[in-house]
Amino acid sequence: MKVGLIGCGNMGPALIAGLVDQKAIAKAEVVCFDADVEKKEGMVSQGFITVESSLEVAEQSDLITIAVKPKDVAETLEEIKVATE
């Protein structure tokens, strides 16, 4: 199963790390996106795959974890809407 992570601040990576630590998923099964390049680079340095948009995450994932600030949720949902219909 491919797991997508949109938002690589504090909460999202912690959730994904817990799943990886418990061996529920492998790092290779996770695809991540964050608008902040430094946060994306941090995920790459930990061995995760990153992509260039929220839409790419949605298109490549069976399960999507949205871990963005509340003010960004509506915009994020709009961006991935096409892939989830």
C-alpha atoms as a PDB file:
ATOM      1  CA  MET A   1       0.000   0.000   0.000  1.00  0.00           C
ATOM      2  CA  LYS A   2       1.309   3.458  -0.909  1.00  0.00           C
ATOM      3  CA  VAL A   3       0.836   6.062   1.823  1.00  0.00           C
ATOM      4  CA  GLY A   4       0.898   9.729   0.916  1.00  0.00           C
ATOM      5  CA  LEU A   5       1.902  12.534   3.241  1.00  0.00           C
ATOM      6  CA  ILE A   6       0.981  16.117   2.461  1.00  0.00           C
ATOM      7  CA  GLY A   7       2.646  18.401   4.984  1.00  0.00           C
ATOM      8  CA  CYS A   8       6.080  17.547   6.362  1.00  0.00           C
ATOM      9  CA  GLY A   9       6.184  19.829   9.389  1.00  0.00           C
ATOM     10  CA  ASN A  10       5.967  18.157  12.801  1.00  0.00           C
ATOM     11  CA  MET A  11       2.771  16.104  12.944  1.00  0.00           C
ATOM     12  CA  GLY A  12       2.917  14.363   9.554  1.00  0.00           C
ATOM     13  CA  PRO A  13       6.448  12.994   9.820  1.00  0.00           C
ATOM     14  CA  ALA A  14       5.757  11.872  13.396  1.00  0.00           C
ATOM     15  CA  LEU A  15       2.725   9.867  12.245  1.00  0.00           C
ATOM     16  CA  ILE A  16       4.643   8.298   9.371  1.00  0.00           C
ATOM     17  CA  ALA A  17       7.673   7.557  11.568  1.00  0.00           C
ATOM     18  CA  GLY A  18       5.403   5.710  13.992  1.00  0.00           C
ATOM     19  CA  LEU A  19       4.045   3.538  11.184  1.00  0.00           C
ATOM     20  CA  VAL A  20       7.557   2.826   9.902  1.00  0.00           C
ATOM     21  CA  ASP A  21       8.896   2.089  13.395  1.00  0.00           C
ATOM     22  CA  GLN A  22       6.060  -0.388  13.985  1.00  0.00           C
ATOM     23  CA  LYS A  23       6.833  -1.954  10.587  1.00  0.00           C
ATOM     24  CA  ALA A  24       3.300  -1.232   9.384  1.00  0.00           C
ATOM     25  CA  ILE A  25       4.793   0.354   6.255  1.00  0.00           C
ATOM     26  CA  ALA A  26       8.232   0.691   4.679  1.00  0.00           C
ATOM     27  CA  LYS A  27       9.816   4.036   3.802  1.00  0.00           C
ATOM     28  CA  ALA A  28       9.648   3.025   0.132  1.00  0.00           C
ATOM     29  CA  GLU A  29       5.854   2.915   0.444  1.00  0.00           C
ATOM     30  CA  VAL A  30       5.605   6.576   1.478  1.00  0.00           C
ATOM     31  CA  VAL A  31       5.442   9.533  -0.898  1.00  0.00           C
ATOM     32  CA  CYS A  32       5.674  13.044   0.576  1.00  0.00           C
ATOM     33  CA  PHE A  33       5.111  16.671  -0.373  1.00  0.00           C
ATOM     34  CA  ASP A  34       5.598  19.969   1.376  1.00  0.00           C
ATOM     35  CA  ALA A  35       5.697  23.421  -0.184  1.00  0.00           C
ATOM     36  CA  ASP A  36       8.721  24.198   2.011  1.00  0.00           C
ATOM     37  CA  VAL A  37      11.795  22.867   0.198  1.00  0.00           C
ATOM     38  CA  GLU A  38      13.770  22.458   3.435  1.00  0.00           C
ATOM     39  CA  LYS A  39      11.058  20.234   4.899  1.00  0.00           C
ATOM     40  CA  LYS A  40      11.006  18.112   1.740  1.00  0.00           C
ATOM     41  CA  GLU A  41      14.795  17.815   1.849  1.00  0.00           C
ATOM     42  CA  GLY A  42      14.507  16.673   5.457  1.00  0.00           C
ATOM     43  CA  MET A  43      12.221  13.834   4.374  1.00  0.00           C
ATOM     44  CA  VAL A  44      14.631  12.860   1.586  1.00  0.00           C
ATOM     45  CA  SER A  45      17.514  12.788   4.077  1.00  0.00           C
ATOM     46  CA  GLN A  46      15.479  10.321   6.153  1.00  0.00           C
ATOM     47  CA  GLY A  47      15.013   8.042   3.141  1.00  0.00           C
ATOM     48  CA  PHE A  48      11.516   9.015   2.007  1.00  0.00           C
ATOM     49  CA  ILE A  49      10.374   9.716  -1.549  1.00  0.00           C
ATOM     50  CA  THR A  50       9.208  13.269  -2.274  1.00  0.00           C
ATOM     51  CA  VAL A  51       7.260  14.700  -5.207  1.00  0.00           C
ATOM     52  CA  GLU A  52       6.553  18.186  -6.535  1.00  0.00           C
ATOM     53  CA  SER A  53       2.880  18.646  -5.616  1.00  0.00           C
ATOM     54  CA  SER A  54      -0.010  17.561  -3.426  1.00  0.00           C
ATOM     55  CA  LEU A  55      -1.719  16.279  -6.553  1.00  0.00           C
ATOM     56  CA  GLU A  56       1.201  13.927  -7.281  1.00  0.00           C
ATOM     57  CA  VAL A  57       0.918  12.551  -3.749  1.00  0.00           C
ATOM     58  CA  ALA A  58      -2.796  11.901  -4.250  1.00  0.00           C
ATOM     59  CA  GLU A  59      -2.261  10.290  -7.648  1.00  0.00           C
ATOM     60  CA  GLN A  60       0.400   7.914  -6.316  1.00  0.00           C
ATOM     61  CA  SER A  61      -1.203   6.976  -2.983  1.00  0.00           C
ATOM     62  CA  ASP A  62      -3.782   4.518  -1.733  1.00  0.00           C
ATOM     63  CA  LEU A  63      -4.074   6.391   1.573  1.00  0.00           C
ATOM     64  CA  ILE A  64      -3.468  10.130   1.978  1.00  0.00           C
ATOM     65  CA  THR A  65      -2.432  11.754   5.243  1.00  0.00           C
ATOM     66  CA  ILE A  66      -3.054  15.494   5.259  1.00  0.00           C
ATOM     67  CA  ALA A  67      -0.948  17.229   7.893  1.00  0.00           C
ATOM     68  CA  VAL A  68      -1.148  20.889   6.950  1.00  0.00           C
ATOM     69  CA  LYS A  69      -2.122  23.933   8.990  1.00  0.00           C
ATOM     70  CA  PRO A  70      -5.906  24.316   9.368  1.00  0.00           C
ATOM     71  CA  LYS A  71      -5.876  27.450   7.211  1.00  0.00           C
ATOM     72  CA  ASP A  72      -4.412  25.385   4.328  1.00  0.00           C
ATOM     73  CA  VAL A  73      -6.776  22.391   4.455  1.00  0.00           C
ATOM     74  CA  ALA A  74      -9.405  23.713   2.012  1.00  0.00           C
ATOM     75  CA  GLU A  75      -6.776  24.662  -0.569  1.00  0.00           C
ATOM     76  CA  THR A  76      -5.051  21.286  -0.218  1.00  0.00           C
ATOM     77  CA  LEU A  77      -8.325  19.397  -0.636  1.00  0.00           C
ATOM     78  CA  GLU A  78      -9.114  21.438  -3.737  1.00  0.00           C
ATOM     79  CA  GLU A  79      -5.688  20.631  -5.204  1.00  0.00           C
ATOM     80  CA  ILE A  80      -6.105  16.871  -4.780  1.00  0.00           C
ATOM     81  CA  LYS A  81      -9.807  16.695  -5.609  1.00  0.00           C
ATOM     82  CA  VAL A  82      -9.230  15.553  -9.203  1.00  0.00           C
ATOM     83  CA  ALA A  83      -7.182  12.531  -8.099  1.00  0.00           C
ATOM     84  CA  THR A  84      -9.690  11.416  -5.479  1.00  0.00           C
ATOM     85  CA  GLU A  85     -12.850  11.458  -7.599  1.00  0.00           C
END
